[in-house]
Amino acid sequence: MVTSKRPRQIRIFKRPKSDALGVVPIRTVPRLNERELKRDRENVVNDWIDERRRNELAENLYSQAAIVAWREDRSETD
């Protein structure tokens, strides 16, 4: 038996959208192994944490800028 070096592929069956010829090829996607799936999940979680940190930093900077602007307005009116 000959084994190929190509990774195994799974077929994803989707409802075909008609194109000009009326024929749409079915896409094949390589199957991920457990290590890759775990790494992908970790990357998603890390991206989510990074996004939350960025949002918190942006909110802090925005509130600090608002406080500075408010103080400047008060000092101009005094």
C-alpha atoms as a PDB file:
ATOM      1  CA  MET A   1       0.000   0.000   0.000  1.00  0.00           C
ATOM      2  CA  VAL A   2       1.359   3.398  -0.964  1.00  0.00           C
ATOM      3  CA  THR A   3       0.927   6.245   1.487  1.00  0.00           C
ATOM      4  CA  SER A   4       0.880   9.763   0.167  1.00  0.00           C
ATOM      5  CA  LYS A   5       2.620  12.671   1.853  1.00  0.00           C
ATOM      6  CA  ARG A   6      -0.379  14.933   1.254  1.00  0.00           C
ATOM      7  CA  PRO A   7      -2.455  15.694   4.341  1.00  0.00           C
ATOM      8  CA  ARG A   8      -5.861  14.050   4.476  1.00  0.00           C
ATOM      9  CA  GLN A   9      -8.665  16.272   3.348  1.00  0.00           C
ATOM     10  CA  ILE A  10     -12.294  16.466   4.326  1.00  0.00           C
ATOM     11  CA  ARG A  11     -15.025  17.713   2.074  1.00  0.00           C
ATOM     12  CA  ILE A  12     -17.323  20.465   3.207  1.00  0.00           C
ATOM     13  CA  PHE A  13     -20.618  20.205   1.382  1.00  0.00           C
ATOM     14  CA  LYS A  14     -22.324  23.515   0.898  1.00  0.00           C
ATOM     15  CA  ARG A  15     -25.412  24.377  -1.053  1.00  0.00           C
ATOM     16  CA  PRO A  16     -23.896  25.335  -4.411  1.00  0.00           C
ATOM     17  CA  LYS A  17     -24.373  28.897  -5.561  1.00  0.00           C
ATOM     18  CA  SER A  18     -25.005  29.023  -9.259  1.00  0.00           C
ATOM     19  CA  ASP A  19     -22.289  30.711 -11.277  1.00  0.00           C
ATOM     20  CA  ALA A  20     -22.201  31.432 -15.002  1.00  0.00           C
ATOM     21  CA  LEU A  21     -21.820  27.754 -15.897  1.00  0.00           C
ATOM     22  CA  GLY A  22     -24.103  26.515 -13.161  1.00  0.00           C
ATOM     23  CA  VAL A  23     -21.296  24.370 -11.711  1.00  0.00           C
ATOM     24  CA  VAL A  24     -19.462  25.174  -8.494  1.00  0.00           C
ATOM     25  CA  PRO A  25     -16.608  22.949  -7.315  1.00  0.00           C
ATOM     26  CA  ILE A  26     -16.819  21.645  -3.758  1.00  0.00           C
ATOM     27  CA  ARG A  27     -14.036  23.057  -1.639  1.00  0.00           C
ATOM     28  CA  THR A  28     -11.775  20.692   0.276  1.00  0.00           C
ATOM     29  CA  VAL A  29     -10.205  21.779   3.553  1.00  0.00           C
ATOM     30  CA  PRO A  30      -7.217  20.073   5.175  1.00  0.00           C
ATOM     31  CA  ARG A  31      -8.044  18.387   8.466  1.00  0.00           C
ATOM     32  CA  LEU A  32      -6.338  19.987  11.455  1.00  0.00           C
ATOM     33  CA  ASN A  33      -4.680  17.823  14.059  1.00  0.00           C
ATOM     34  CA  GLU A  34      -5.292  18.295  17.787  1.00  0.00           C
ATOM     35  CA  ARG A  35      -2.141  20.348  18.384  1.00  0.00           C
ATOM     36  CA  GLU A  36      -3.088  22.831  15.667  1.00  0.00           C
ATOM     37  CA  LEU A  37      -6.644  23.059  16.993  1.00  0.00           C
ATOM     38  CA  LYS A  38      -5.352  23.719  20.517  1.00  0.00           C
ATOM     39  CA  ARG A  39      -2.963  26.390  19.211  1.00  0.00           C
ATOM     40  CA  ASP A  40      -5.793  28.031  17.244  1.00  0.00           C
ATOM     41  CA  ARG A  41      -8.017  28.098  20.344  1.00  0.00           C
ATOM     42  CA  GLU A  42      -5.185  29.632  22.399  1.00  0.00           C
ATOM     43  CA  ASN A  43      -4.591  32.256  19.706  1.00  0.00           C
ATOM     44  CA  VAL A  44      -8.279  33.173  19.680  1.00  0.00           C
ATOM     45  CA  VAL A  45      -8.314  33.546  23.465  1.00  0.00           C
ATOM     46  CA  ASN A  46      -5.086  35.568  23.433  1.00  0.00           C
ATOM     47  CA  ASP A  47      -6.446  37.840  20.696  1.00  0.00           C
ATOM     48  CA  TRP A  48      -9.593  38.366  22.756  1.00  0.00           C
ATOM     49  CA  ILE A  49      -7.540  39.231  25.868  1.00  0.00           C
ATOM     50  CA  ASP A  50      -5.324  41.598  23.846  1.00  0.00           C
ATOM     51  CA  GLU A  51      -8.409  43.312  22.420  1.00  0.00           C
ATOM     52  CA  ARG A  52      -9.872  43.777  25.914  1.00  0.00           C
ATOM     53  CA  ARG A  53      -6.569  45.252  27.125  1.00  0.00           C
ATOM     54  CA  ARG A  54      -6.432  47.624  24.151  1.00  0.00           C
ATOM     55  CA  ASN A  55     -10.018  48.718  24.802  1.00  0.00           C
ATOM     56  CA  GLU A  56      -9.280  49.324  28.486  1.00  0.00           C
ATOM     57  CA  LEU A  57      -6.167  51.346  27.619  1.00  0.00           C
ATOM     58  CA  ALA A  58      -8.134  53.373  25.079  1.00  0.00           C
ATOM     59  CA  GLU A  59     -10.871  54.061  27.637  1.00  0.00           C
ATOM     60  CA  ASN A  60      -8.273  55.125  30.214  1.00  0.00           C
ATOM     61  CA  LEU A  61      -6.543  57.435  27.738  1.00  0.00           C
ATOM     62  CA  TYR A  62      -9.876  58.880  26.631  1.00  0.00           C
ATOM     63  CA  SER A  63     -10.977  59.556  30.216  1.00  0.00           C
ATOM     64  CA  GLN A  64      -7.593  61.092  31.073  1.00  0.00           C
ATOM     65  CA  ALA A  65      -7.808  63.345  28.014  1.00  0.00           C
ATOM     66  CA  ALA A  66     -11.341  64.353  29.011  1.00  0.00           C
ATOM     67  CA  ILE A  67     -10.136  65.237  32.531  1.00  0.00           C
ATOM     68  CA  VAL A  68      -7.247  67.301  31.141  1.00  0.00           C
ATOM     69  CA  ALA A  69      -9.581  69.129  28.744  1.00  0.00           C
ATOM     70  CA  TRP A  70     -12.039  69.790  31.582  1.00  0.00           C
ATOM     71  CA  ARG A  71      -9.242  71.193  33.778  1.00  0.00           C
ATOM     72  CA  GLU A  72      -8.041  73.415  30.922  1.00  0.00           C
ATOM     73  CA  ASP A  73     -11.574  74.719  30.398  1.00  0.00           C
ATOM     74  CA  ARG A  74     -11.887  75.470  34.121  1.00  0.00           C
ATOM     75  CA  SER A  75      -8.542  77.285  34.206  1.00  0.00           C
ATOM     76  CA  GLU A  76      -9.523  79.422  31.194  1.00  0.00           C
ATOM     77  CA  THR A  77     -12.827  80.497  32.776  1.00  0.00           C
ATOM     78  CA  ASP A  78     -11.247  81.355  36.156  1.00  0.00           C
END
